[in-house]
């Protein structure tokens, strides 16, 4: 009896990496791949989303008026080539000279700035993503606590390692953009 398996027409070939699996997921699935490891997360909290909305509006207005680049809010796939990773940072900033990284299905390469509003799993943002963003060469990595609006900025030093530039409450200070934003 030559019975066809019921899933035979669904998956044409076995995925080789977690990024391959990620690309097979339905649009809108809340997950990321960091160093070939798939991680799923629950929806963000209301305080997270309200802060994201405020920061996006402030950065959008600044970048539109200054014509320095673009800010894109999550969800947007950011493929960090060579790192077997695809992430969806809360906000990314691409300067004009980096806009060619925008492709039809996501961003390919390191954004100039990444802003992560810390999730309930703080270690994921402060350790795993930090390591990925550092290795990918992201110039500025902001981590913001949505509960107290504490901002930690990590910047790449000349040897390509992150150093903590500052920690402030309610202030996003970017040397890449030459901008201070109070929120």
N, C-alpha and C. Protein backbone atom coordinates (compact mmCIF):
# COMPACT_ATOMS: atom_id res chain seq x y z
N UNK A 1 0.84 -1.18 0.00
CA UNK A 1 0.00 0.00 0.00
C UNK A 1 0.88 1.24 0.00
N UNK A 2 0.75 2.05 -1.02
CA UNK A 2 1.56 3.26 -1.16
C UNK A 2 0.73 4.47 -0.76
N UNK A 3 0.63 4.68 0.54
CA UNK A 3 -0.20 5.77 1.05
C UNK A 3 0.65 7.03 1.24
N UNK A 4 0.16 8.14 0.68
CA UNK A 4 0.90 9.41 0.78
C UNK A 4 0.74 9.97 2.19
N UNK A 5 1.86 10.41 2.78
CA UNK A 5 1.83 11.01 4.12
C UNK A 5 1.08 12.34 4.05
N UNK A 6 0.26 12.62 5.06
CA UNK A 6 -0.60 13.82 5.01
C UNK A 6 0.18 15.14 5.02
N UNK A 7 1.43 15.15 5.47
CA UNK A 7 2.22 16.39 5.51
C UNK A 7 3.21 16.49 4.35
N UNK A 8 3.19 15.56 3.46
CA UNK A 8 4.17 15.50 2.38
C UNK A 8 4.18 16.77 1.53
N UNK A 9 3.05 17.39 1.31
CA UNK A 9 2.99 18.57 0.45
C UNK A 9 3.15 19.88 1.22
N UNK A 10 3.29 19.81 2.53
CA UNK A 10 3.41 21.03 3.33
C UNK A 10 4.86 21.49 3.41
N UNK A 11 5.75 20.62 3.78
CA UNK A 11 7.17 20.97 3.92
C UNK A 11 7.93 20.28 2.79
N UNK A 12 8.44 21.08 1.88
CA UNK A 12 9.12 20.54 0.69
C UNK A 12 10.51 19.99 1.03
N UNK A 13 11.23 20.70 1.92
CA UNK A 13 12.54 20.20 2.32
C UNK A 13 12.75 20.51 3.79
N UNK A 14 13.56 19.70 4.43
CA UNK A 14 13.79 19.84 5.86
C UNK A 14 14.65 21.08 6.10
N UNK A 15 14.19 21.98 7.01
CA UNK A 15 14.97 23.19 7.28
C UNK A 15 16.32 22.84 7.93
N UNK A 16 17.36 23.57 7.53
CA UNK A 16 18.70 23.31 8.04
C UNK A 16 19.04 24.16 9.26
N UNK A 17 18.43 25.34 9.36
CA UNK A 17 18.75 26.25 10.47
C UNK A 17 17.47 26.78 11.10
N UNK A 18 17.61 27.40 12.25
CA UNK A 18 16.46 28.03 12.91
C UNK A 18 15.93 29.19 12.07
N UNK A 19 16.79 29.86 11.31
CA UNK A 19 16.33 30.94 10.43
C UNK A 19 15.45 30.36 9.33
N UNK A 20 15.78 29.18 8.82
CA UNK A 20 14.93 28.52 7.84
C UNK A 20 13.56 28.21 8.43
N UNK A 21 13.53 27.73 9.66
CA UNK A 21 12.26 27.46 10.34
C UNK A 21 11.49 28.76 10.53
N UNK A 22 12.18 29.81 10.95
CA UNK A 22 11.56 31.12 11.16
C UNK A 22 10.85 31.60 9.89
N UNK A 23 11.49 31.44 8.77
CA UNK A 23 10.92 31.89 7.49
C UNK A 23 9.66 31.10 7.11
N UNK A 24 9.47 29.94 7.71
CA UNK A 24 8.30 29.12 7.42
C UNK A 24 7.10 29.48 8.31
N UNK A 25 7.33 30.22 9.38
CA UNK A 25 6.26 30.54 10.33
C UNK A 25 5.26 31.51 9.72
N UNK A 26 4.02 31.48 10.18
CA UNK A 26 3.03 32.43 9.68
C UNK A 26 3.42 33.87 10.03
N UNK A 27 3.10 34.79 9.15
CA UNK A 27 3.37 36.21 9.40
C UNK A 27 2.74 36.62 10.73
N UNK A 28 3.47 37.39 11.50
CA UNK A 28 2.97 37.87 12.79
C UNK A 28 3.32 36.99 13.97
N UNK A 29 3.98 35.86 13.74
CA UNK A 29 4.39 35.00 14.84
C UNK A 29 5.44 35.75 15.66
N UNK A 30 5.22 35.83 16.96
CA UNK A 30 6.14 36.57 17.82
C UNK A 30 7.32 35.67 18.21
N UNK A 31 8.36 35.72 17.41
CA UNK A 31 9.56 34.97 17.75
C UNK A 31 10.76 35.61 17.06
N UNK A 32 11.92 35.21 17.54
CA UNK A 32 13.19 35.69 16.99
C UNK A 32 14.16 34.52 16.97
N UNK A 33 15.23 34.68 16.22
CA UNK A 33 16.31 33.69 16.19
C UNK A 33 17.59 34.42 16.56
N UNK A 34 18.25 33.93 17.59
CA UNK A 34 19.54 34.51 17.99
C UNK A 34 20.54 33.37 18.05
N UNK A 35 21.59 33.51 17.24
CA UNK A 35 22.64 32.49 17.14
C UNK A 35 22.04 31.11 16.90
N UNK A 36 21.12 31.02 15.93
CA UNK A 36 20.49 29.78 15.49
C UNK A 36 19.61 29.13 16.57
N UNK A 37 19.12 29.92 17.51
CA UNK A 37 18.20 29.41 18.53
C UNK A 37 16.90 30.20 18.45
N UNK A 38 15.80 29.49 18.23
CA UNK A 38 14.48 30.09 18.09
C UNK A 38 13.90 30.38 19.46
N UNK A 39 13.42 31.62 19.66
CA UNK A 39 12.81 32.02 20.93
C UNK A 39 11.47 32.68 20.65
N UNK A 40 10.46 32.27 21.38
CA UNK A 40 9.14 32.86 21.24
C UNK A 40 8.86 33.69 22.49
N UNK A 41 8.01 34.72 22.31
CA UNK A 41 7.71 35.58 23.44
C UNK A 41 6.23 35.97 23.43
N UNK A 42 5.69 36.27 24.62
CA UNK A 42 4.31 36.74 24.69
C UNK A 42 4.21 38.17 24.19
N UNK A 43 2.99 38.63 24.01
CA UNK A 43 2.78 40.03 23.61
C UNK A 43 3.35 40.97 24.66
N UNK A 44 3.79 42.16 24.24
CA UNK A 44 4.32 43.13 25.19
C UNK A 44 3.22 43.69 26.09
N UNK A 45 3.65 44.28 27.20
CA UNK A 45 2.71 44.88 28.15
C UNK A 45 2.21 46.23 27.62
N UNK A 46 1.10 46.73 28.16
CA UNK A 46 0.63 48.06 27.74
C UNK A 46 1.67 49.16 27.97
N UNK A 47 2.38 49.13 29.11
CA UNK A 47 3.39 50.18 29.36
C UNK A 47 4.50 50.12 28.32
N UNK A 48 4.86 48.93 27.90
CA UNK A 48 5.87 48.74 26.85
C UNK A 48 5.38 49.39 25.56
N UNK A 49 4.15 49.10 25.16
CA UNK A 49 3.62 49.59 23.89
C UNK A 49 3.39 51.10 23.90
N UNK A 50 2.97 51.65 25.03
CA UNK A 50 2.78 53.10 25.13
C UNK A 50 4.11 53.83 25.00
N UNK A 51 5.14 53.29 25.64
CA UNK A 51 6.47 53.89 25.55
C UNK A 51 7.01 53.77 24.12
N UNK A 52 6.80 52.62 23.50
CA UNK A 52 7.21 52.43 22.11
C UNK A 52 6.54 53.46 21.20
N UNK A 53 5.28 53.68 21.39
CA UNK A 53 4.53 54.65 20.58
C UNK A 53 5.09 56.06 20.76
N UNK A 54 5.35 56.45 22.00
CA UNK A 54 5.90 57.79 22.27
C UNK A 54 7.27 57.97 21.63
N UNK A 55 8.15 56.99 21.83
CA UNK A 55 9.51 57.10 21.28
C UNK A 55 9.51 57.11 19.76
N UNK A 56 8.66 56.28 19.17
CA UNK A 56 8.56 56.26 17.72
C UNK A 56 8.14 57.62 17.18
N UNK A 57 7.14 58.24 17.81
CA UNK A 57 6.65 59.55 17.37
C UNK A 57 7.75 60.60 17.48
N UNK A 58 8.47 60.61 18.59
CA UNK A 58 9.54 61.60 18.79
C UNK A 58 10.67 61.42 17.77
N UNK A 59 11.11 60.18 17.57
CA UNK A 59 12.19 59.93 16.62
C UNK A 59 11.74 60.15 15.18
N UNK A 60 10.52 59.76 14.87
CA UNK A 60 9.99 59.97 13.53
C UNK A 60 9.99 61.46 13.18
N UNK A 61 9.49 62.28 14.09
CA UNK A 61 9.43 63.73 13.86
C UNK A 61 10.84 64.30 13.66
N UNK A 62 11.78 63.92 14.53
CA UNK A 62 13.15 64.42 14.41
C UNK A 62 13.77 64.01 13.06
N UNK A 63 13.66 62.73 12.72
CA UNK A 63 14.29 62.24 11.49
C UNK A 63 13.62 62.80 10.24
N UNK A 64 12.33 63.03 10.30
CA UNK A 64 11.62 63.62 9.16
C UNK A 64 12.09 65.07 8.94
N UNK A 65 12.21 65.84 10.04
CA UNK A 65 12.62 67.24 9.95
C UNK A 65 14.10 67.39 9.60
N UNK A 66 14.94 66.51 10.13
CA UNK A 66 16.38 66.62 9.89
C UNK A 66 16.83 65.91 8.62
N UNK A 67 15.99 65.04 8.10
CA UNK A 67 16.30 64.26 6.90
C UNK A 67 17.60 63.46 7.07
N UNK A 68 17.79 62.86 8.27
CA UNK A 68 18.99 62.08 8.55
C UNK A 68 18.82 60.58 8.30
N UNK A 69 17.55 60.12 8.27
CA UNK A 69 17.33 58.69 8.10
C UNK A 69 15.90 58.33 8.42
N UNK A 70 15.69 57.07 8.78
CA UNK A 70 14.36 56.54 9.06
C UNK A 70 14.35 55.78 10.37
N UNK A 71 13.20 55.81 11.05
CA UNK A 71 12.98 54.98 12.23
C UNK A 71 11.86 54.01 11.88
N UNK A 72 12.04 52.75 12.26
CA UNK A 72 11.05 51.71 11.96
C UNK A 72 10.72 50.98 13.26
N UNK A 73 9.41 50.92 13.60
CA UNK A 73 9.01 50.20 14.82
C UNK A 73 8.80 48.71 14.54
N UNK A 74 8.80 47.93 15.60
CA UNK A 74 8.47 46.50 15.50
C UNK A 74 7.01 46.37 15.11
N UNK A 75 6.67 45.29 14.45
CA UNK A 75 7.56 44.21 14.03
C UNK A 75 8.16 44.45 12.66
N UNK A 76 9.45 44.27 12.56
CA UNK A 76 10.18 44.28 11.29
C UNK A 76 11.33 43.28 11.45
N UNK A 77 11.49 42.41 10.48
CA UNK A 77 12.55 41.41 10.55
C UNK A 77 13.89 42.06 10.23
N UNK A 78 14.86 41.86 11.11
CA UNK A 78 16.22 42.34 10.91
C UNK A 78 17.12 41.10 10.84
N UNK A 79 17.65 40.83 9.65
CA UNK A 79 18.50 39.67 9.43
C UNK A 79 19.95 40.10 9.63
N UNK A 80 20.60 39.49 10.59
CA UNK A 80 22.00 39.79 10.87
C UNK A 80 22.83 38.66 10.28
N UNK A 81 23.27 38.89 9.07
CA UNK A 81 23.97 37.89 8.28
C UNK A 81 25.24 37.42 8.97
N UNK A 82 25.50 36.15 8.83
CA UNK A 82 26.69 35.57 9.43
C UNK A 82 26.52 35.25 10.90
N UNK A 83 25.40 35.66 11.48
CA UNK A 83 25.16 35.42 12.91
C UNK A 83 24.03 34.40 13.11
N UNK A 84 23.47 33.87 11.98
CA UNK A 84 22.34 32.96 12.04
C UNK A 84 21.26 33.51 12.96
N UNK A 85 20.90 34.79 12.72
CA UNK A 85 19.96 35.49 13.59
C UNK A 85 19.01 36.37 12.80
N UNK A 86 17.78 36.41 13.27
CA UNK A 86 16.79 37.36 12.79
C UNK A 86 16.00 37.83 14.01
N UNK A 87 15.98 39.15 14.20
CA UNK A 87 15.35 39.73 15.38
C UNK A 87 14.33 40.79 14.96
N UNK A 88 13.51 41.18 15.92
CA UNK A 88 12.52 42.22 15.70
C UNK A 88 12.66 43.25 16.83
N UNK A 89 13.68 44.11 16.75
CA UNK A 89 13.86 45.12 17.79
C UNK A 89 12.64 46.04 17.89
N UNK A 90 12.44 46.64 19.05
CA UNK A 90 11.30 47.55 19.22
C UNK A 90 11.38 48.73 18.26
N UNK A 91 12.55 49.33 18.15
CA UNK A 91 12.78 50.43 17.20
C UNK A 91 14.16 50.27 16.60
N UNK A 92 14.24 50.54 15.30
CA UNK A 92 15.56 50.62 14.67
C UNK A 92 15.66 51.95 13.95
N UNK A 93 16.88 52.46 13.89
CA UNK A 93 17.15 53.68 13.13
C UNK A 93 18.19 53.33 12.08
N UNK A 94 17.87 53.71 10.85
CA UNK A 94 18.81 53.59 9.74
C UNK A 94 19.12 54.99 9.24
N UNK A 95 20.39 55.36 9.26
CA UNK A 95 20.79 56.63 8.67
C UNK A 95 20.65 56.54 7.16
N UNK A 96 20.64 57.67 6.49
CA UNK A 96 20.45 57.68 5.04
C UNK A 96 21.41 56.75 4.30
N UNK A 97 22.67 56.71 4.74
CA UNK A 97 23.65 55.86 4.06
C UNK A 97 23.41 54.37 4.30
N UNK A 98 22.49 54.02 5.21
CA UNK A 98 22.17 52.62 5.50
C UNK A 98 20.82 52.19 4.94
N UNK A 99 20.12 53.08 4.27
CA UNK A 99 18.77 52.77 3.79
C UNK A 99 18.75 51.65 2.75
N UNK A 100 19.89 51.36 2.13
CA UNK A 100 19.94 50.27 1.16
C UNK A 100 19.81 48.90 1.82
N UNK A 101 19.82 48.85 3.14
CA UNK A 101 19.63 47.59 3.87
C UNK A 101 18.16 47.18 3.88
N UNK A 102 17.28 48.10 3.51
CA UNK A 102 15.85 47.80 3.48
C UNK A 102 15.55 47.02 2.21
N UNK A 103 15.03 45.81 2.38
CA UNK A 103 14.63 44.94 1.27
C UNK A 103 13.14 44.66 1.39
N UNK A 104 12.58 43.97 0.43
CA UNK A 104 11.13 43.74 0.42
C UNK A 104 10.65 42.88 1.58
N UNK A 105 11.52 42.04 2.15
CA UNK A 105 11.08 41.16 3.24
C UNK A 105 11.77 41.45 4.56
N UNK A 106 12.44 42.58 4.70
CA UNK A 106 13.05 42.93 5.97
C UNK A 106 14.28 43.79 5.80
N UNK A 107 15.01 43.91 6.88
CA UNK A 107 16.26 44.68 6.92
C UNK A 107 17.39 43.66 6.92
N UNK A 108 18.36 43.86 6.03
CA UNK A 108 19.50 42.95 5.94
C UNK A 108 20.76 43.69 6.33
N UNK A 109 21.27 43.38 7.52
CA UNK A 109 22.46 44.04 8.04
C UNK A 109 22.13 44.82 9.29
N UNK A 110 23.16 45.30 9.93
CA UNK A 110 23.02 45.97 11.21
C UNK A 110 22.44 47.38 11.07
N UNK A 111 21.35 47.67 11.79
CA UNK A 111 20.88 49.06 11.85
C UNK A 111 21.93 49.92 12.55
N UNK A 112 21.84 51.23 12.40
CA UNK A 112 22.77 52.12 13.08
C UNK A 112 22.46 52.21 14.58
N UNK A 113 21.17 52.18 14.90
CA UNK A 113 20.72 52.27 16.29
C UNK A 113 19.62 51.24 16.51
N UNK A 114 19.67 50.58 17.67
CA UNK A 114 18.59 49.68 18.10
C UNK A 114 18.13 50.14 19.48
N UNK A 115 16.81 50.20 19.63
CA UNK A 115 16.20 50.53 20.93
C UNK A 115 15.33 49.35 21.32
N UNK A 116 15.63 48.77 22.47
CA UNK A 116 14.82 47.69 23.03
C UNK A 116 14.19 48.18 24.32
N UNK A 117 12.89 48.08 24.39
CA UNK A 117 12.17 48.33 25.63
C UNK A 117 12.14 46.99 26.33
N UNK A 118 12.71 46.92 27.51
CA UNK A 118 12.94 45.64 28.17
C UNK A 118 11.64 44.87 28.37
N UNK A 119 11.71 43.59 28.07
CA UNK A 119 10.57 42.70 28.25
C UNK A 119 10.62 42.11 29.66
N UNK A 120 9.65 41.27 29.93
CA UNK A 120 9.63 40.60 31.25
C UNK A 120 10.85 39.70 31.42
N UNK A 121 11.38 39.20 30.31
CA UNK A 121 12.59 38.38 30.34
C UNK A 121 13.79 39.30 30.11
N UNK A 122 14.21 39.98 31.15
CA UNK A 122 15.27 41.00 31.05
C UNK A 122 16.59 40.44 30.54
N UNK A 123 16.92 39.24 30.95
CA UNK A 123 18.20 38.65 30.52
C UNK A 123 18.27 38.48 29.01
N UNK A 124 17.14 38.25 28.38
CA UNK A 124 17.11 38.09 26.93
C UNK A 124 17.61 39.36 26.23
N UNK A 125 17.12 40.52 26.69
CA UNK A 125 17.52 41.79 26.10
C UNK A 125 18.91 42.24 26.56
N UNK A 126 19.21 42.05 27.85
CA UNK A 126 20.45 42.59 28.40
C UNK A 126 21.67 41.70 28.18
N UNK A 127 21.45 40.44 27.86
CA UNK A 127 22.59 39.55 27.64
C UNK A 127 22.62 38.97 26.23
N UNK A 128 21.56 38.23 25.87
CA UNK A 128 21.56 37.57 24.55
C UNK A 128 21.57 38.58 23.41
N UNK A 129 20.63 39.53 23.46
CA UNK A 129 20.57 40.52 22.39
C UNK A 129 21.79 41.44 22.43
N UNK A 130 22.24 41.77 23.61
CA UNK A 130 23.44 42.60 23.73
C UNK A 130 24.61 41.94 23.00
N UNK A 131 24.82 40.66 23.24
CA UNK A 131 25.92 39.95 22.60
C UNK A 131 25.76 39.94 21.08
N UNK A 132 24.54 39.68 20.62
CA UNK A 132 24.28 39.67 19.18
C UNK A 132 24.53 41.04 18.57
N UNK A 133 23.97 42.08 19.18
CA UNK A 133 24.09 43.43 18.62
C UNK A 133 25.54 43.90 18.62
N UNK A 134 26.28 43.54 19.65
CA UNK A 134 27.70 43.88 19.71
C UNK A 134 28.46 43.21 18.57
N UNK A 135 28.25 41.90 18.40
CA UNK A 135 28.94 41.16 17.33
C UNK A 135 28.54 41.66 15.94
N UNK A 136 27.28 42.12 15.82
CA UNK A 136 26.78 42.60 14.52
C UNK A 136 27.29 44.00 14.20
N UNK A 137 27.83 44.71 15.20
CA UNK A 137 28.38 46.04 14.96
C UNK A 137 27.37 47.17 15.01
N UNK A 138 26.31 47.00 15.78
CA UNK A 138 25.31 48.07 15.93
C UNK A 138 25.92 49.17 16.80
N UNK A 139 25.96 50.38 16.26
CA UNK A 139 26.69 51.49 16.88
C UNK A 139 26.16 51.87 18.26
N UNK A 140 24.83 51.97 18.38
CA UNK A 140 24.22 52.34 19.66
C UNK A 140 23.10 51.36 19.98
N UNK A 141 23.13 50.85 21.20
CA UNK A 141 22.09 49.94 21.69
C UNK A 141 21.51 50.53 22.96
N UNK A 142 20.25 50.97 22.85
CA UNK A 142 19.54 51.52 24.00
C UNK A 142 18.66 50.45 24.61
N UNK A 143 18.73 50.30 25.92
CA UNK A 143 17.82 49.42 26.67
C UNK A 143 17.03 50.32 27.62
N UNK A 144 15.71 50.23 27.54
CA UNK A 144 14.86 51.11 28.33
C UNK A 144 13.91 50.27 29.18
N UNK A 145 13.90 50.53 30.48
CA UNK A 145 12.97 49.87 31.40
C UNK A 145 11.63 50.60 31.30
N UNK A 146 10.56 49.90 30.88
CA UNK A 146 9.29 50.58 30.70
C UNK A 146 8.63 51.02 32.02
N UNK A 147 9.05 50.41 33.12
CA UNK A 147 8.43 50.73 34.41
C UNK A 147 8.93 52.04 35.00
N UNK A 148 10.25 52.28 34.90
CA UNK A 148 10.81 53.50 35.51
C UNK A 148 11.49 54.42 34.48
N UNK A 149 11.43 54.03 33.20
CA UNK A 149 12.01 54.80 32.08
C UNK A 149 13.52 55.00 32.20
N UNK A 150 14.17 54.08 32.89
CA UNK A 150 15.63 54.08 33.00
C UNK A 150 16.23 53.67 31.66
N UNK A 151 17.12 54.50 31.13
CA UNK A 151 17.75 54.26 29.82
C UNK A 151 19.21 53.90 30.04
N UNK A 152 19.63 52.80 29.46
CA UNK A 152 21.03 52.42 29.45
C UNK A 152 21.48 52.42 28.00
N UNK A 153 22.56 53.12 27.72
CA UNK A 153 23.10 53.18 26.37
C UNK A 153 24.44 52.46 26.32
N UNK A 154 24.54 51.54 25.35
CA UNK A 154 25.80 50.87 25.06
C UNK A 154 26.27 51.34 23.69
N UNK A 155 27.53 51.72 23.59
CA UNK A 155 28.08 52.15 22.31
C UNK A 155 29.32 51.31 21.99
N UNK A 156 29.54 51.10 20.70
CA UNK A 156 30.71 50.34 20.28
C UNK A 156 31.97 51.20 20.45
N UNK A 157 32.98 50.62 21.07
CA UNK A 157 34.25 51.33 21.16
C UNK A 157 35.11 50.98 19.96
N UNK A 158 36.31 51.50 19.92
CA UNK A 158 37.18 51.31 18.75
C UNK A 158 37.57 49.86 18.52
N UNK A 159 37.50 49.02 19.56
CA UNK A 159 37.83 47.60 19.39
C UNK A 159 36.60 46.75 19.06
N UNK A 160 35.42 47.41 18.90
CA UNK A 160 34.22 46.69 18.53
C UNK A 160 33.47 46.06 19.68
N UNK A 161 33.78 46.49 20.90
CA UNK A 161 33.08 45.99 22.08
C UNK A 161 32.18 47.09 22.65
N UNK A 162 31.08 46.67 23.27
CA UNK A 162 30.19 47.64 23.88
C UNK A 162 30.75 48.16 25.20
N UNK A 163 30.61 49.46 25.38
CA UNK A 163 30.86 50.09 26.67
C UNK A 163 29.61 50.86 27.04
N UNK A 164 29.31 50.87 28.34
CA UNK A 164 28.14 51.62 28.79
C UNK A 164 28.48 53.10 28.79
N UNK A 165 27.74 53.86 27.98
CA UNK A 165 28.00 55.28 27.83
C UNK A 165 27.31 56.08 28.93
N UNK A 166 26.08 55.76 29.20
CA UNK A 166 25.38 56.43 30.28
C UNK A 166 24.16 55.66 30.71
N UNK A 167 23.61 56.08 31.86
CA UNK A 167 22.36 55.57 32.37
C UNK A 167 21.61 56.77 32.93
N UNK A 168 20.44 57.03 32.37
CA UNK A 168 19.63 58.19 32.75
C UNK A 168 18.17 57.77 32.83
N UNK A 169 17.37 58.58 33.46
CA UNK A 169 15.93 58.33 33.50
C UNK A 169 15.24 59.32 32.56
N UNK A 170 14.45 58.78 31.64
CA UNK A 170 13.64 59.60 30.74
C UNK A 170 14.41 60.40 29.72
N UNK A 171 15.65 60.00 29.42
CA UNK A 171 16.47 60.73 28.43
C UNK A 171 17.13 59.74 27.49
N UNK A 172 16.90 59.94 26.21
CA UNK A 172 17.56 59.16 25.18
C UNK A 172 18.56 60.10 24.51
N UNK A 173 19.85 59.82 24.71
CA UNK A 173 20.91 60.68 24.19
C UNK A 173 21.72 59.91 23.16
N UNK A 174 21.60 60.33 21.89
CA UNK A 174 22.27 59.64 20.81
C UNK A 174 23.34 60.52 20.19
N UNK A 175 24.59 60.03 20.24
CA UNK A 175 25.66 60.77 19.54
C UNK A 175 25.60 60.49 18.05
N UNK A 176 25.07 59.33 17.64
CA UNK A 176 24.93 59.02 16.22
C UNK A 176 23.99 60.03 15.56
N UNK A 177 22.91 60.38 16.26
CA UNK A 177 21.94 61.34 15.72
C UNK A 177 22.21 62.77 16.18
N UNK A 178 23.14 62.95 17.13
CA UNK A 178 23.35 64.26 17.74
C UNK A 178 22.02 64.78 18.29
N UNK A 179 21.42 63.99 19.18
CA UNK A 179 20.07 64.24 19.65
C UNK A 179 19.89 63.85 21.10
N UNK A 180 19.21 64.69 21.85
CA UNK A 180 18.72 64.36 23.19
C UNK A 180 17.20 64.39 23.13
N UNK A 181 16.56 63.31 23.58
CA UNK A 181 15.11 63.23 23.60
C UNK A 181 14.66 62.94 25.03
N UNK A 182 13.88 63.87 25.60
CA UNK A 182 13.28 63.64 26.91
C UNK A 182 11.91 63.02 26.68
N UNK A 183 11.61 62.01 27.48
CA UNK A 183 10.30 61.37 27.35
C UNK A 183 9.73 61.02 28.71
